[in-house]
Amino acid sequence: MNYFLCNSITYFILHIRIDAFNFQKPSNPIICFVTDINEGVFLIGDAEFRGLERTFPGMAFLMPVYDPTGTYGWDSQDILVSTPAKNYTVNDYQTLFTTLNFTNGYQRWLNGAKILPNLAAPTVEVMCIHGSELNTPGTIIYKKGTEFPDGTPEITNDGGDGTVNLRSLQGCQRFQKMQPQKFTYEVMPKLSHFEMLKSKQFLDYLQNYIANL
């Protein structure tokens, strides 16, 4: 039994990648950079939390990117932040970061913006599994009379797993046409981003897959 288990795990690690990575990138990092919403972390004040998150280099890498080929799902006209003075899309990051007096954030974004469009297929068997049908942050809306960016905005709901937008989650499907290795795509409705790895539904699916290797 131990021999079978060890070999199965070894096979799993070497040949299969469970892809919960958001290839197309969610809108959540925009919320972290722009607003002072602290995601329920009560030990840190709102303004302090925004300042803290702006120090995380990986946040800029996770911002939505426009891909003219349509692979990534984010259109150049998709509004990420709306204010009475201006609407900001994926093509307006430089203006947005300048307005926020956070030009370092724009430089970080530039460093990672060209990575994903040229990302090669893993060339191993891939399992892309994600949740769906949960309210996920979409557009940040500052209405007239709400101070930008320090006021409290409204945030529209978009489809996704509660954290990553559906159009981002579906990005892994591009690998299906980029490699000869097996590609499996599975959507688990109502399963959230943070519940995935401890979900019985997911663990049962994974256990069944390994048992049939």
Protein backbone atom coordinates (compact mmCIF):
# COMPACT_ATOMS: atom_id res chain seq x y z
CA MET A 1 0.00 0.00 0.00
CA ASN A 2 2.80 2.41 0.93
CA TYR A 3 4.63 1.53 -2.27
CA PHE A 4 1.54 2.28 -4.34
CA LEU A 5 0.87 5.51 -2.49
CA CYS A 6 4.45 6.78 -2.79
CA ASN A 7 4.61 5.98 -6.49
CA SER A 8 1.23 7.60 -7.09
CA ILE A 9 2.30 10.76 -5.32
CA THR A 10 5.58 10.80 -7.23
CA TYR A 11 3.67 10.43 -10.51
CA PHE A 12 1.31 13.18 -9.44
CA ILE A 13 4.11 15.62 -8.60
CA LEU A 14 6.17 14.93 -11.73
CA HIS A 15 3.46 14.61 -14.35
CA ILE A 16 0.35 16.48 -13.25
CA ARG A 17 -0.19 20.10 -12.37
CA ILE A 18 -3.38 21.16 -10.64
CA ASP A 19 -3.96 24.57 -12.04
CA ALA A 20 -5.65 27.00 -9.72
CA PHE A 21 -3.32 29.74 -10.88
CA ASN A 22 -5.15 32.70 -12.36
CA PHE A 23 -3.51 32.87 -15.78
CA GLN A 24 -5.64 35.80 -16.88
CA LYS A 25 -5.38 37.57 -13.53
CA PRO A 26 -8.25 38.81 -11.34
CA SER A 27 -9.43 42.32 -10.55
CA ASN A 28 -8.83 41.84 -6.80
CA PRO A 29 -5.32 43.40 -6.79
CA ILE A 30 -6.84 46.62 -8.11
CA ILE A 31 -9.03 46.74 -5.00
CA CYS A 32 -5.95 46.30 -2.82
CA PHE A 33 -4.01 49.09 -4.56
CA VAL A 34 -6.84 51.59 -4.88
CA THR A 35 -9.22 51.23 -1.95
CA ASP A 36 -8.70 51.13 1.78
CA ILE A 37 -10.86 48.02 2.19
CA ASN A 38 -8.89 45.78 4.55
CA GLU A 39 -10.54 42.44 3.73
CA GLY A 40 -11.68 41.98 7.33
CA VAL A 41 -8.23 42.15 8.94
CA PHE A 42 -9.34 43.91 12.11
CA LEU A 43 -5.86 44.25 13.64
CA ILE A 44 -4.75 46.74 10.97
CA GLY A 45 -6.43 50.02 10.08
CA ASP A 46 -7.83 50.45 6.59
CA ALA A 47 -5.28 53.01 5.37
CA GLU A 48 -2.40 51.06 6.92
CA PHE A 49 -3.59 47.87 5.26
CA ARG A 50 -3.61 49.50 1.82
CA GLY A 51 -0.10 50.76 2.44
CA LEU A 52 0.99 47.28 3.47
CA GLU A 53 -0.48 45.60 0.42
CA ARG A 54 1.22 48.09 -1.85
CA THR A 55 4.55 46.70 -0.62
CA PHE A 56 3.77 43.21 -1.99
CA PRO A 57 5.56 42.95 -5.39
CA GLY A 58 3.38 40.03 -6.49
CA MET A 59 0.20 42.10 -6.35
CA ALA A 60 1.09 44.06 -9.49
CA PHE A 61 1.84 40.83 -11.36
CA LEU A 62 -1.71 39.63 -10.64
CA MET A 63 -3.44 42.62 -12.21
CA PRO A 64 -5.60 42.03 -15.31
CA VAL A 65 -3.82 42.28 -18.65
CA TYR A 66 -5.36 43.02 -22.03
CA ASP A 67 -4.57 40.40 -24.65
CA PRO A 68 -5.53 41.39 -28.22
CA THR A 69 -5.72 37.72 -29.25
CA GLY A 70 -8.67 37.19 -26.91
CA THR A 71 -6.91 34.39 -25.05
CA TYR A 72 -7.03 36.11 -21.70
CA GLY A 73 -10.59 37.34 -21.72
CA TRP A 74 -9.94 40.91 -20.49
CA ASP A 75 -11.11 43.39 -23.09
CA SER A 76 -9.44 46.76 -23.53
CA GLN A 77 -12.77 48.43 -22.74
CA ASP A 78 -13.48 46.53 -19.50
CA ILE A 79 -13.74 49.16 -16.77
CA LEU A 80 -11.79 48.27 -13.63
CA VAL A 81 -12.19 51.54 -11.72
CA SER A 82 -14.95 54.07 -12.37
CA THR A 83 -14.95 57.63 -11.03
CA PRO A 84 -17.01 60.71 -11.99
CA ALA A 85 -13.89 62.15 -13.64
CA LYS A 86 -12.58 59.08 -15.48
CA ASN A 87 -13.03 55.37 -16.14
CA TYR A 88 -9.86 53.28 -15.89
CA THR A 89 -9.39 50.15 -18.01
CA VAL A 90 -6.47 47.75 -18.43
CA ASN A 91 -4.99 50.31 -20.83
CA ASP A 92 -4.96 53.08 -18.22
CA TYR A 93 -2.65 51.71 -15.55
CA GLN A 94 -0.03 54.41 -15.94
CA THR A 95 -2.66 57.12 -15.49
CA LEU A 96 -4.27 55.26 -12.59
CA PHE A 97 -1.04 54.76 -10.68
CA THR A 98 -0.01 58.36 -11.32
CA THR A 99 -3.34 59.55 -9.94
CA LEU A 100 -2.79 57.35 -6.89
CA ASN A 101 0.72 58.82 -6.47
CA PHE A 102 2.02 55.25 -6.63
CA THR A 103 4.16 55.17 -9.77
CA ASN A 104 6.27 52.36 -8.31
CA GLY A 105 3.22 50.14 -8.67
CA TYR A 106 3.11 50.85 -12.39
CA GLN A 107 6.76 49.90 -12.77
CA ARG A 108 6.08 46.61 -10.99
CA TRP A 109 3.19 45.94 -13.32
CA LEU A 110 5.38 46.61 -16.35
CA ASN A 111 7.89 44.05 -15.09
CA GLY A 112 5.33 41.26 -15.22
CA ALA A 113 2.93 42.38 -17.95
CA LYS A 114 4.78 40.61 -20.76
CA ILE A 115 5.29 37.29 -18.99
CA LEU A 116 1.92 35.56 -19.37
CA PRO A 117 1.25 36.26 -23.07
CA ASN A 118 4.46 34.38 -23.84
CA LEU A 119 4.04 31.67 -21.21
CA ALA A 120 4.86 28.26 -22.66
CA ALA A 121 2.73 25.19 -22.03
CA PRO A 122 3.87 23.03 -19.08
CA THR A 123 4.39 19.99 -21.40
CA VAL A 124 3.14 17.68 -18.65
CA GLU A 125 -0.31 16.31 -18.03
CA VAL A 126 -2.44 19.17 -16.72
CA MET A 127 -5.52 19.23 -14.54
CA CYS A 128 -7.17 22.65 -14.41
CA ILE A 129 -9.75 22.71 -11.62
CA HIS A 130 -11.57 25.73 -10.25
CA GLY A 131 -14.76 26.87 -8.57
CA SER A 132 -17.52 29.01 -10.09
CA GLU A 133 -20.92 30.66 -9.57
CA LEU A 134 -19.81 32.80 -6.63
CA ASN A 135 -19.91 36.57 -6.34
CA THR A 136 -16.44 37.85 -7.22
CA PRO A 137 -15.24 41.48 -7.16
CA GLY A 138 -15.62 43.21 -10.49
CA THR A 139 -15.63 46.96 -11.12
CA ILE A 140 -14.76 49.48 -8.38
CA ILE A 141 -17.21 52.39 -8.59
CA TYR A 142 -16.67 55.77 -6.94
CA LYS A 143 -19.94 57.65 -7.25
CA LYS A 144 -20.30 61.42 -7.25
CA GLY A 145 -19.55 62.75 -3.79
CA THR A 146 -17.29 59.82 -2.87
CA GLU A 147 -13.66 60.83 -2.41
CA PHE A 148 -11.25 59.01 -4.70
CA PRO A 149 -9.44 56.93 -3.62
CA ASP A 150 -10.00 57.27 0.14
CA GLY A 151 -13.79 57.13 0.12
CA THR A 152 -15.71 53.86 0.27
CA PRO A 153 -16.60 52.69 -3.25
CA GLU A 154 -19.21 50.25 -4.48
CA ILE A 155 -17.87 47.04 -5.96
CA THR A 156 -19.89 45.20 -8.57
CA ASN A 157 -20.12 41.44 -8.55
CA ASP A 158 -18.56 39.43 -11.35
CA GLY A 159 -18.63 35.69 -11.94
CA GLY A 160 -15.86 33.57 -10.46
CA ASP A 161 -14.76 31.57 -7.43
CA GLY A 162 -15.18 34.40 -4.94
CA THR A 163 -11.61 35.65 -5.45
CA VAL A 164 -10.60 35.10 -9.08
CA ASN A 165 -12.83 36.20 -11.96
CA LEU A 166 -14.16 33.47 -14.23
CA ARG A 167 -12.47 34.91 -17.32
CA SER A 168 -9.17 34.57 -15.46
CA LEU A 169 -9.84 31.04 -14.25
CA GLN A 170 -10.62 29.87 -17.76
CA GLY A 171 -7.23 31.01 -19.03
CA CYS A 172 -5.63 27.65 -18.38
CA GLN A 173 -7.65 26.20 -21.27
CA ARG A 174 -5.21 27.67 -23.76
CA PHE A 175 -2.74 24.93 -22.85
CA GLN A 176 -5.10 22.36 -24.31
CA LYS A 177 -4.14 23.48 -27.81
CA MET A 178 -0.49 24.11 -27.01
CA GLN A 179 0.69 20.67 -25.98
CA PRO A 180 0.10 16.99 -26.84
CA GLN A 181 -0.04 15.91 -23.19
CA LYS A 182 -3.42 15.19 -21.64
CA PHE A 183 -5.44 18.17 -20.45
CA THR A 184 -8.36 17.87 -18.01
CA TYR A 185 -10.66 20.78 -17.23
CA GLU A 186 -13.07 20.56 -14.30
CA VAL A 187 -15.37 23.23 -12.86
CA MET A 188 -16.79 22.77 -9.35
CA PRO A 189 -19.77 25.11 -8.88
CA LYS A 190 -20.08 26.98 -5.58
CA LEU A 191 -16.57 25.94 -4.50
CA SER A 192 -14.61 28.98 -3.37
CA HIS A 193 -10.99 29.83 -4.06
CA PHE A 194 -9.92 29.38 -0.44
CA GLU A 195 -11.97 26.23 0.19
CA MET A 196 -10.59 24.33 -2.79
CA LEU A 197 -7.71 22.42 -1.20
CA LYS A 198 -9.73 21.29 1.83
CA SER A 199 -12.98 20.59 -0.01
CA LYS A 200 -14.28 17.02 0.16
CA GLN A 201 -15.51 17.36 -3.41
CA PHE A 202 -12.05 18.27 -4.64
CA LEU A 203 -10.21 15.72 -2.48
CA ASP A 204 -12.57 12.94 -3.58
CA TYR A 205 -12.01 13.91 -7.21
CA LEU A 206 -8.25 13.89 -6.72
CA GLN A 207 -8.26 10.60 -4.81
CA ASN A 208 -10.32 8.93 -7.51
CA TYR A 209 -7.98 10.24 -10.19
CA ILE A 210 -4.87 8.91 -8.44
CA ALA A 211 -6.55 5.56 -7.74
CA ASN A 212 -7.15 5.12 -11.48
CA LEU A 213 -3.62 5.88 -12.62
